[in-house]
Amino acid sequence: MAHHLNRKAIVIARIFGILVLLVGFLVLFVGFGQSSIETATKTWYPTQGTVTSSEIIIKKRVIKRKRRWHPQVMVTYQVNGHTYTTDKIYFTGGFAFRNRYQAKMFVSAYPIGSTVTIYVDRNNPKQAALRRGGNSGIFLQLSGAFLIIIGACFLVVLRNGHNPKQLIQANSRHNLYLN
């Protein structure tokens, strides 16, 4: 019975290691895509737009239950006689502050009715943002690399003959000497 549990634990641990490795590669891949988009936005051309809405949306994070203040600025702009609207601060994703004061300061720079510079994609004028670039791609790349390292280490430890039961037994013997 104990041998069966040992084999089952090893299979589960290997599956876990493989899943962490695959998720790491997926996150890394998405990170490279985000970085590519962030770099592309640096070539977008500036144009003028009018702020139609400027507010702060409060969201609670699910994991840590902490509040985040998300500025939302809507801008209407024209390209070649066509009117478009964007609410993107950075094209690649969300933008939040940890406290209300910072969010309020950000939003106050974009009062309703004011004229602002926004950056528009030459190939698709529907795509525009208040700011060029971003940093979510590098964060995703680092997160993906971390997961790949953890998954690989997990698989290497299992492959080298260190199975969970042996590690638990060795730890139990060590604890006996300490008691």
Foldseek 3Di string as FASTA:
>chain_A
DVVVVLVVQLVVLLVVLVVLQVVLVVLLVVLVVLQVQLVLLVPFDKDKWFWADWDWDWDADPPPRAIKIFIWTKTWDDDPRDIEIDRAAEQRDTDTDRDPVVSVVVSVVHDGGDMAMKGADPVDRNRIHRDGGDDVSVVSNVSSVVSNVVSVVSVVCSVVPNTPVNVVVVVVVVVVVVD
